[in-house]
Structure formats: structure tokens, C-alpha cells
């Protein structure tokens, strides 16, 4: 049980950090043809980036984990900018 929770926490933090880094890169490109949502929004991008892998791995509970990932990405954005 502890190993599973440790792996899940690592995945949540990893997806949130990866989404933040990708969005930060996309925002620096500053291209008009890139839509604001979901590509320039940490919360949206993190959710859509993680929804597929999380649902494959955890089933419908993956939606909840993706929501948590989105909020963690937003917290990272709020405190690193």
C-alpha cells in the first residue's frame, strides 16, 4: 500500500511539474496561433496532459487524480512566477 501511494504521489507531482515546464516554454514562444486554452493555462494543460495516462492506469478514478494534478500545477504556477 505504501509503495502504491508513493508511486501515485510521484506521478501527481511529476505530471504537475512537467505540465508547468511545458506551458512555461509555450508561453515564451508568444505565438498568436497557439490557443490560450489549454496550451497557455497550467491548470488546463496539466489536466489534459494527465487524463489519458491516469484513466488507463486507474480507471475512472484517474479523472479525480487528473483534477488533483491540475490544482497542484496551478499551485506550482502561483508560487514560482
Protein backbone atom coordinates (compact mmCIF):
# COMPACT_ATOMS: atom_id res chain seq x y z
CA UNK A 1 0.00 0.00 0.00
CA UNK A 2 2.77 2.43 0.90
CA UNK A 3 4.62 1.78 -2.36
CA UNK A 4 1.45 2.39 -4.38
CA UNK A 5 0.76 5.70 -2.61
CA UNK A 6 4.38 6.75 -3.02
CA UNK A 7 4.19 5.99 -6.74
CA UNK A 8 0.91 7.90 -7.07
CA UNK A 9 2.27 10.96 -5.27
CA UNK A 10 5.34 10.87 -7.50
CA UNK A 11 3.12 10.70 -10.60
CA UNK A 12 0.94 13.58 -9.40
CA UNK A 13 3.90 15.84 -8.66
CA UNK A 14 5.69 14.72 -11.84
CA UNK A 15 2.74 15.44 -14.14
CA UNK A 16 2.14 18.81 -12.49
CA UNK A 17 5.79 19.84 -12.83
CA UNK A 18 6.03 18.59 -16.40
CA UNK A 19 2.88 20.49 -17.38
CA UNK A 20 4.19 23.66 -15.74
CA UNK A 21 7.50 23.43 -17.59
CA UNK A 22 5.82 22.79 -20.96
CA UNK A 23 3.35 25.66 -20.51
CA UNK A 24 6.16 27.97 -19.43
CA UNK A 25 8.01 27.11 -22.66
CA UNK A 26 4.90 27.58 -24.81
CA UNK A 27 4.19 30.97 -23.23
CA UNK A 28 7.73 32.16 -24.00
CA UNK A 29 7.15 31.37 -27.68
CA UNK A 30 4.43 34.06 -27.71
CA UNK A 31 2.83 32.92 -30.97
CA UNK A 32 -0.62 34.25 -31.80
CA UNK A 33 -1.72 30.99 -33.45
CA UNK A 34 -1.32 29.00 -30.22
CA UNK A 35 -4.70 28.97 -28.42
CA UNK A 36 -4.77 30.25 -24.85
CA UNK A 37 -6.76 27.30 -23.52
CA UNK A 38 -5.41 24.66 -22.92
CA UNK A 39 -1.88 25.41 -24.13
CA UNK A 40 -1.16 28.57 -22.12
CA UNK A 41 -3.01 27.63 -18.94
CA UNK A 42 -1.19 25.45 -16.38
CA UNK A 43 -4.37 24.04 -14.89
CA UNK A 44 -5.98 23.12 -18.23
CA UNK A 45 -2.81 21.73 -19.77
CA UNK A 46 -1.99 19.62 -16.71
CA UNK A 47 -5.48 18.13 -16.69
CA UNK A 48 -5.49 17.25 -20.39
CA UNK A 49 -1.90 16.01 -20.30
CA UNK A 50 -2.62 13.59 -17.47
CA UNK A 51 -6.18 12.45 -18.14
CA UNK A 52 -5.24 9.72 -20.64
CA UNK A 53 -2.44 8.04 -18.70
CA UNK A 54 -4.30 8.34 -15.40
CA UNK A 55 -7.51 6.80 -16.76
CA UNK A 56 -5.56 3.98 -18.38
CA UNK A 57 -3.76 3.22 -15.15
CA UNK A 58 -6.52 3.90 -12.56
CA UNK A 59 -9.81 3.73 -14.49
CA UNK A 60 -12.47 6.31 -13.66
CA UNK A 61 -10.58 7.31 -10.51
CA UNK A 62 -7.98 8.72 -12.91
CA UNK A 63 -10.30 11.67 -13.54
CA UNK A 64 -10.00 12.62 -9.87
CA UNK A 65 -6.24 12.23 -9.96
CA UNK A 66 -6.07 14.45 -13.06
CA UNK A 67 -8.06 17.10 -11.23
CA UNK A 68 -5.58 16.93 -8.34
CA UNK A 69 -2.71 17.23 -10.82
CA UNK A 70 -4.32 20.34 -12.32
CA UNK A 71 -4.62 22.00 -8.91
CA UNK A 72 -1.03 21.11 -7.98
CA UNK A 73 0.15 22.60 -11.30
CA UNK A 74 -1.76 25.78 -10.51
CA UNK A 75 -0.16 25.96 -7.06
CA UNK A 76 3.28 25.50 -8.63
CA UNK A 77 2.48 28.29 -11.10
CA UNK A 78 1.23 30.60 -8.36
CA UNK A 79 4.33 30.26 -6.20
CA UNK A 80 7.03 30.20 -8.91
CA UNK A 81 6.12 33.21 -11.01
